[in-house]
Amino acid sequence: MSNELERLHSLNTVGVISYVLHLVVAVAGVVPGAQMGVTLLLVALVIDLIKRPDAAGTWHESHFNWRLRTLFIAGVLYVVTVPLWLLFVLPGMVAWWVISFWFLYRIVRGMIRLNAGQSMEF
């Protein structure tokens, strides 16, 4: 039983680290001039991809899927809205703020549920 508790504790630690990395980038995305770049997101992505198999069959698995899905959707939305920046700056800025606030909401929601020991509902 202690091995299972150690496994869950380790997954919780990894989840907190990943969510914090996402949170730093999400907050920077909604604060003008505070862009952190994609480096922290890439670190979080690598952590999630490497540790995701360890979470199979636990409630932590839903958090790994939540973070990966959030990152993928936000990435696609950012790429799709790049032409708005090229054509019109203001619509591009508004689109990216909306995406960034959505990203921030998803990360905070995930952190709250992780802290409560609850799985993510899709």
N, C-alpha and C. Protein backbone atom coordinates (compact mmCIF):
# COMPACT_ATOMS: atom_id res chain seq x y z
N MET A 1 0.82 -1.20 0.00
CA MET A 1 0.00 0.00 0.00
C MET A 1 0.86 1.25 0.00
N SER A 2 2.01 1.23 0.63
CA SER A 2 2.84 2.43 0.68
C SER A 2 3.38 2.78 -0.70
N ASN A 3 3.62 1.77 -1.54
CA ASN A 3 4.07 2.05 -2.90
C ASN A 3 3.02 2.84 -3.67
N GLU A 4 1.77 2.48 -3.48
CA GLU A 4 0.68 3.19 -4.17
C GLU A 4 0.56 4.62 -3.65
N LEU A 5 0.72 4.81 -2.34
CA LEU A 5 0.68 6.16 -1.77
C LEU A 5 1.85 6.99 -2.27
N GLU A 6 3.01 6.39 -2.37
CA GLU A 6 4.19 7.10 -2.90
C GLU A 6 3.96 7.48 -4.36
N ARG A 7 3.37 6.58 -5.11
CA ARG A 7 3.07 6.84 -6.53
C ARG A 7 2.10 8.02 -6.65
N LEU A 8 1.03 8.02 -5.87
CA LEU A 8 0.05 9.11 -5.92
C LEU A 8 0.66 10.42 -5.44
N HIS A 9 1.50 10.37 -4.43
CA HIS A 9 2.17 11.58 -3.95
C HIS A 9 3.09 12.14 -5.04
N SER A 10 3.82 11.25 -5.70
CA SER A 10 4.71 11.67 -6.78
C SER A 10 3.92 12.29 -7.93
N LEU A 11 2.80 11.67 -8.29
CA LEU A 11 1.95 12.21 -9.36
C LEU A 11 1.38 13.57 -8.96
N ASN A 12 1.02 13.72 -7.70
CA ASN A 12 0.50 15.00 -7.22
C ASN A 12 1.58 16.08 -7.33
N THR A 13 2.81 15.75 -6.96
CA THR A 13 3.92 16.69 -7.05
C THR A 13 4.17 17.10 -8.50
N VAL A 14 4.18 16.13 -9.39
CA VAL A 14 4.36 16.42 -10.81
C VAL A 14 3.22 17.30 -11.32
N GLY A 15 2.00 17.00 -10.90
CA GLY A 15 0.85 17.80 -11.31
C GLY A 15 0.96 19.23 -10.85
N VAL A 16 1.38 19.43 -9.62
CA VAL A 16 1.53 20.79 -9.09
C VAL A 16 2.60 21.54 -9.88
N ILE A 17 3.73 20.90 -10.12
CA ILE A 17 4.81 21.55 -10.89
C ILE A 17 4.32 21.93 -12.28
N SER A 18 3.64 21.01 -12.94
CA SER A 18 3.15 21.28 -14.29
C SER A 18 2.12 22.40 -14.29
N TYR A 19 1.18 22.36 -13.36
CA TYR A 19 0.18 23.42 -13.29
C TYR A 19 0.83 24.78 -12.99
N VAL A 20 1.82 24.82 -12.13
CA VAL A 20 2.50 26.09 -11.81
C VAL A 20 3.20 26.63 -13.06
N LEU A 21 3.87 25.77 -13.81
CA LEU A 21 4.51 26.22 -15.05
C LEU A 21 3.47 26.78 -16.01
N HIS A 22 2.36 26.08 -16.16
CA HIS A 22 1.29 26.57 -17.01
C HIS A 22 0.73 27.90 -16.48
N LEU A 23 0.57 27.98 -15.17
CA LEU A 23 0.00 29.18 -14.56
C LEU A 23 0.89 30.41 -14.79
N VAL A 24 2.19 30.24 -14.66
CA VAL A 24 3.10 31.36 -14.89
C VAL A 24 2.94 31.88 -16.31
N VAL A 25 2.87 30.98 -17.27
CA VAL A 25 2.70 31.37 -18.67
C VAL A 25 1.32 31.97 -18.90
N ALA A 26 0.30 31.39 -18.28
CA ALA A 26 -1.07 31.90 -18.46
C ALA A 26 -1.21 33.30 -17.90
N VAL A 27 -0.66 33.54 -16.73
CA VAL A 27 -0.74 34.88 -16.14
C VAL A 27 0.04 35.86 -17.01
N ALA A 28 1.21 35.46 -17.46
CA ALA A 28 2.01 36.33 -18.33
C ALA A 28 1.28 36.62 -19.63
N GLY A 29 0.44 35.70 -20.07
CA GLY A 29 -0.31 35.90 -21.30
C GLY A 29 -1.39 36.96 -21.20
N VAL A 30 -1.87 37.22 -20.01
CA VAL A 30 -2.93 38.22 -19.85
C VAL A 30 -2.40 39.54 -19.29
N VAL A 31 -1.13 39.58 -18.91
CA VAL A 31 -0.51 40.81 -18.44
C VAL A 31 0.35 41.37 -19.58
N PRO A 32 -0.03 42.51 -20.13
CA PRO A 32 0.73 43.08 -21.26
C PRO A 32 2.21 43.25 -20.93
N GLY A 33 3.04 42.80 -21.86
CA GLY A 33 4.48 42.95 -21.71
C GLY A 33 5.15 41.93 -20.81
N ALA A 34 4.41 40.95 -20.33
CA ALA A 34 4.98 39.97 -19.41
C ALA A 34 5.08 38.58 -20.04
N GLN A 35 5.24 38.51 -21.33
CA GLN A 35 5.30 37.22 -22.01
C GLN A 35 6.50 36.40 -21.54
N MET A 36 6.26 35.16 -21.21
CA MET A 36 7.30 34.26 -20.72
C MET A 36 7.86 33.39 -21.85
N GLY A 37 7.22 33.44 -23.00
CA GLY A 37 7.66 32.58 -24.09
C GLY A 37 7.13 31.18 -23.95
N VAL A 38 7.52 30.37 -24.89
CA VAL A 38 7.02 28.99 -24.91
C VAL A 38 7.93 28.03 -24.15
N THR A 39 9.05 28.49 -23.66
CA THR A 39 9.99 27.59 -22.99
C THR A 39 9.36 26.87 -21.81
N LEU A 40 8.67 27.61 -20.95
CA LEU A 40 8.04 26.97 -19.78
C LEU A 40 6.94 26.01 -20.20
N LEU A 41 6.21 26.36 -21.25
CA LEU A 41 5.17 25.44 -21.73
C LEU A 41 5.79 24.16 -22.29
N LEU A 42 6.91 24.30 -22.97
CA LEU A 42 7.59 23.10 -23.49
C LEU A 42 8.09 22.23 -22.35
N VAL A 43 8.60 22.84 -21.30
CA VAL A 43 9.04 22.06 -20.14
C VAL A 43 7.85 21.32 -19.53
N ALA A 44 6.74 22.03 -19.34
CA ALA A 44 5.53 21.40 -18.79
C ALA A 44 5.03 20.28 -19.71
N LEU A 45 5.07 20.52 -21.01
CA LEU A 45 4.62 19.52 -21.97
C LEU A 45 5.47 18.25 -21.88
N VAL A 46 6.79 18.42 -21.82
CA VAL A 46 7.68 17.26 -21.72
C VAL A 46 7.42 16.51 -20.42
N ILE A 47 7.28 17.23 -19.32
CA ILE A 47 6.98 16.59 -18.03
C ILE A 47 5.69 15.78 -18.14
N ASP A 48 4.64 16.39 -18.69
CA ASP A 48 3.35 15.70 -18.79
C ASP A 48 3.42 14.49 -19.70
N LEU A 49 4.12 14.60 -20.80
CA LEU A 49 4.22 13.47 -21.73
C LEU A 49 5.02 12.32 -21.13
N ILE A 50 6.06 12.64 -20.38
CA ILE A 50 6.90 11.59 -19.77
C ILE A 50 6.18 10.92 -18.60
N LYS A 51 5.51 11.70 -17.77
CA LYS A 51 4.89 11.15 -16.56
C LYS A 51 3.46 10.64 -16.76
N ARG A 52 2.85 10.97 -17.87
CA ARG A 52 1.46 10.57 -18.13
C ARG A 52 1.24 9.06 -18.00
N PRO A 53 2.12 8.21 -18.55
CA PRO A 53 1.88 6.77 -18.40
C PRO A 53 1.87 6.30 -16.94
N ASP A 54 2.59 6.99 -16.07
CA ASP A 54 2.60 6.62 -14.64
C ASP A 54 1.25 6.84 -13.99
N ALA A 55 0.44 7.73 -14.58
CA ALA A 55 -0.85 8.08 -13.98
C ALA A 55 -2.00 7.19 -14.46
N ALA A 56 -1.71 6.26 -15.35
CA ALA A 56 -2.75 5.41 -15.90
C ALA A 56 -3.53 4.70 -14.79
N GLY A 57 -4.85 4.83 -14.87
CA GLY A 57 -5.72 4.16 -13.91
C GLY A 57 -5.95 4.93 -12.62
N THR A 58 -5.40 6.13 -12.52
CA THR A 58 -5.61 6.95 -11.32
C THR A 58 -6.40 8.19 -11.70
N TRP A 59 -6.88 8.92 -10.69
CA TRP A 59 -7.59 10.16 -10.96
C TRP A 59 -6.65 11.22 -11.53
N HIS A 60 -5.35 11.03 -11.33
CA HIS A 60 -4.37 11.97 -11.88
C HIS A 60 -4.33 11.92 -13.41
N GLU A 61 -4.71 10.79 -13.96
CA GLU A 61 -4.69 10.65 -15.43
C GLU A 61 -5.56 11.73 -16.09
N SER A 62 -6.70 12.03 -15.48
CA SER A 62 -7.58 13.05 -16.06
C SER A 62 -6.91 14.43 -16.05
N HIS A 63 -6.06 14.70 -15.08
CA HIS A 63 -5.36 15.98 -15.02
C HIS A 63 -4.29 16.07 -16.12
N PHE A 64 -3.58 14.98 -16.35
CA PHE A 64 -2.61 14.97 -17.45
C PHE A 64 -3.33 15.22 -18.77
N ASN A 65 -4.45 14.53 -18.98
CA ASN A 65 -5.23 14.73 -20.21
C ASN A 65 -5.76 16.16 -20.30
N TRP A 66 -6.21 16.71 -19.19
CA TRP A 66 -6.74 18.09 -19.14
C TRP A 66 -5.67 19.09 -19.57
N ARG A 67 -4.48 18.95 -18.96
CA ARG A 67 -3.39 19.89 -19.29
C ARG A 67 -2.96 19.75 -20.74
N LEU A 68 -2.81 18.53 -21.20
CA LEU A 68 -2.38 18.32 -22.59
C LEU A 68 -3.43 18.83 -23.57
N ARG A 69 -4.69 18.55 -23.29
CA ARG A 69 -5.77 19.03 -24.17
C ARG A 69 -5.84 20.56 -24.17
N THR A 70 -5.70 21.16 -22.99
CA THR A 70 -5.73 22.62 -22.88
C THR A 70 -4.59 23.24 -23.69
N LEU A 71 -3.41 22.69 -23.54
CA LEU A 71 -2.25 23.21 -24.27
C LEU A 71 -2.42 23.04 -25.77
N PHE A 72 -2.91 21.89 -26.20
CA PHE A 72 -3.11 21.64 -27.63
C PHE A 72 -4.15 22.60 -28.22
N ILE A 73 -5.29 22.74 -27.55
CA ILE A 73 -6.35 23.62 -28.05
C ILE A 73 -5.87 25.07 -28.10
N ALA A 74 -5.21 25.52 -27.04
CA ALA A 74 -4.70 26.90 -27.01
C ALA A 74 -3.68 27.11 -28.12
N GLY A 75 -2.80 26.14 -28.31
CA GLY A 75 -1.80 26.25 -29.38
C GLY A 75 -2.44 26.37 -30.75
N VAL A 76 -3.43 25.54 -31.01
CA VAL A 76 -4.13 25.59 -32.29
C VAL A 76 -4.83 26.94 -32.45
N LEU A 77 -5.49 27.42 -31.40
CA LEU A 77 -6.18 28.71 -31.48
C LEU A 77 -5.21 29.86 -31.72
N TYR A 78 -4.06 29.83 -31.05
CA TYR A 78 -3.06 30.88 -31.29
C TYR A 78 -2.58 30.86 -32.74
N VAL A 79 -2.30 29.68 -33.26
CA VAL A 79 -1.82 29.57 -34.64
C VAL A 79 -2.89 30.02 -35.63
N VAL A 80 -4.13 29.62 -35.39
CA VAL A 80 -5.22 29.99 -36.30
C VAL A 80 -5.46 31.50 -36.31
N THR A 81 -5.22 32.16 -35.18
CA THR A 81 -5.48 33.60 -35.11
C THR A 81 -4.27 34.46 -35.48
N VAL A 82 -3.16 33.86 -35.84
CA VAL A 82 -1.99 34.64 -36.28
C VAL A 82 -2.33 35.57 -37.44
N PRO A 83 -3.11 35.14 -38.43
CA PRO A 83 -3.43 36.06 -39.54
C PRO A 83 -4.12 37.35 -39.08
N LEU A 84 -4.85 37.30 -37.97
CA LEU A 84 -5.46 38.52 -37.46
C LEU A 84 -4.40 39.56 -37.08
N TRP A 85 -3.28 39.08 -36.56
CA TRP A 85 -2.19 39.99 -36.22
C TRP A 85 -1.58 40.59 -37.48
N LEU A 86 -1.50 39.78 -38.52
CA LEU A 86 -0.88 40.24 -39.76
C LEU A 86 -1.77 41.23 -40.51
N LEU A 87 -3.08 41.02 -40.42
CA LEU A 87 -4.01 41.88 -41.14
C LEU A 87 -4.43 43.09 -40.31
N PHE A 88 -4.79 42.83 -39.07
CA PHE A 88 -5.29 43.88 -38.19
C PHE A 88 -4.76 43.61 -36.79
N VAL A 89 -4.03 44.54 -36.22
CA VAL A 89 -3.41 44.32 -34.92
C VAL A 89 -4.45 44.17 -33.81
N LEU A 90 -5.43 45.04 -33.76
CA LEU A 90 -6.39 45.01 -32.66
C LEU A 90 -7.18 43.70 -32.58
N PRO A 91 -7.73 43.20 -33.70
CA PRO A 91 -8.43 41.90 -33.60
C PRO A 91 -7.51 40.76 -33.16
N GLY A 92 -6.26 40.81 -33.60
CA GLY A 92 -5.31 39.79 -33.17
C GLY A 92 -5.05 39.85 -31.68
N MET A 93 -4.90 41.07 -31.17
CA MET A 93 -4.66 41.26 -29.75
C MET A 93 -5.86 40.79 -28.93
N VAL A 94 -7.05 41.15 -29.37
CA VAL A 94 -8.26 40.75 -28.66
C VAL A 94 -8.41 39.23 -28.67
N ALA A 95 -8.18 38.63 -29.82
CA ALA A 95 -8.28 37.17 -29.93
C ALA A 95 -7.30 36.48 -28.98
N TRP A 96 -6.07 36.97 -28.93
CA TRP A 96 -5.07 36.34 -28.08
C TRP A 96 -5.38 36.58 -26.60
N TRP A 97 -5.96 37.71 -26.24
CA TRP A 97 -6.37 37.93 -24.86
C TRP A 97 -7.48 36.96 -24.46
N VAL A 98 -8.44 36.77 -25.37
CA VAL A 98 -9.53 35.83 -25.08
C VAL A 98 -8.97 34.42 -24.90
N ILE A 99 -8.07 34.01 -25.79
CA ILE A 99 -7.47 32.68 -25.68
C ILE A 99 -6.68 32.58 -24.37
N SER A 100 -5.93 33.62 -24.04
CA SER A 100 -5.11 33.60 -22.82
C SER A 100 -5.97 33.53 -21.56
N PHE A 101 -7.09 34.25 -21.53
CA PHE A 101 -7.99 34.18 -20.37
C PHE A 101 -8.63 32.79 -20.27
N TRP A 102 -9.00 32.22 -21.42
CA TRP A 102 -9.54 30.86 -21.43
C TRP A 102 -8.50 29.88 -20.90
N PHE A 103 -7.25 30.03 -21.35
CA PHE A 103 -6.15 29.17 -20.91
C PHE A 103 -5.95 29.32 -19.40
N LEU A 104 -5.95 30.55 -18.91
CA LEU A 104 -5.80 30.82 -17.48
C LEU A 104 -6.94 30.17 -16.68
N TYR A 105 -8.16 30.31 -17.17
CA TYR A 105 -9.31 29.70 -16.50
C TYR A 105 -9.13 28.19 -16.39
N ARG A 106 -8.73 27.54 -17.47
CA ARG A 106 -8.57 26.09 -17.47
C ARG A 106 -7.48 25.64 -16.49
N ILE A 107 -6.40 26.39 -16.43
CA ILE A 107 -5.30 26.02 -15.54
C ILE A 107 -5.73 26.21 -14.08
N VAL A 108 -6.36 27.32 -13.76
CA VAL A 108 -6.81 27.56 -12.39
C VAL A 108 -7.85 26.50 -11.98
N ARG A 109 -8.76 26.21 -12.87
CA ARG A 109 -9.78 25.18 -12.58
C ARG A 109 -9.12 23.83 -12.29
N GLY A 110 -8.13 23.47 -13.09
CA GLY A 110 -7.42 22.22 -12.88
C GLY A 110 -6.65 22.21 -11.57
N MET A 111 -6.00 23.33 -11.24
CA MET A 111 -5.25 23.41 -9.99
C MET A 111 -6.17 23.25 -8.78
N ILE A 112 -7.32 23.87 -8.84
CA ILE A 112 -8.28 23.78 -7.73
C ILE A 112 -8.73 22.34 -7.54
N ARG A 113 -9.04 21.67 -8.63
CA ARG A 113 -9.51 20.27 -8.53
C ARG A 113 -8.39 19.34 -8.10
N LEU A 114 -7.15 19.59 -8.57
CA LEU A 114 -6.02 18.79 -8.15
C LEU A 114 -5.80 18.94 -6.64
N ASN A 115 -5.87 20.17 -6.17
CA ASN A 115 -5.69 20.44 -4.75
C ASN A 115 -6.78 19.76 -3.90
N ALA A 116 -7.97 19.65 -4.47
CA ALA A 116 -9.08 18.99 -3.76
C ALA A 116 -9.05 17.47 -3.91
N GLY A 117 -8.11 16.97 -4.70
CA GLY A 117 -8.03 15.52 -4.90
C GLY A 117 -9.12 14.98 -5.80
N GLN A 118 -9.61 15.83 -6.72
CA GLN A 118 -10.69 15.44 -7.62
C GLN A 118 -10.18 15.30 -9.04
N SER A 119 -10.78 14.38 -9.77
CA SER A 119 -10.45 14.24 -11.19
C SER A 119 -11.08 15.35 -11.99
N MET A 120 -10.61 15.53 -13.20
CA MET A 120 -11.17 16.54 -14.10
C MET A 120 -12.34 15.95 -14.87
N GLU A 121 -13.36 16.73 -15.02
CA GLU A 121 -14.53 16.32 -15.80
C GLU A 121 -14.47 17.05 -17.13
N PHE A 122 -14.72 16.33 -18.19
CA PHE A 122 -14.61 16.95 -19.51
C PHE A 122 -15.94 17.32 -19.99
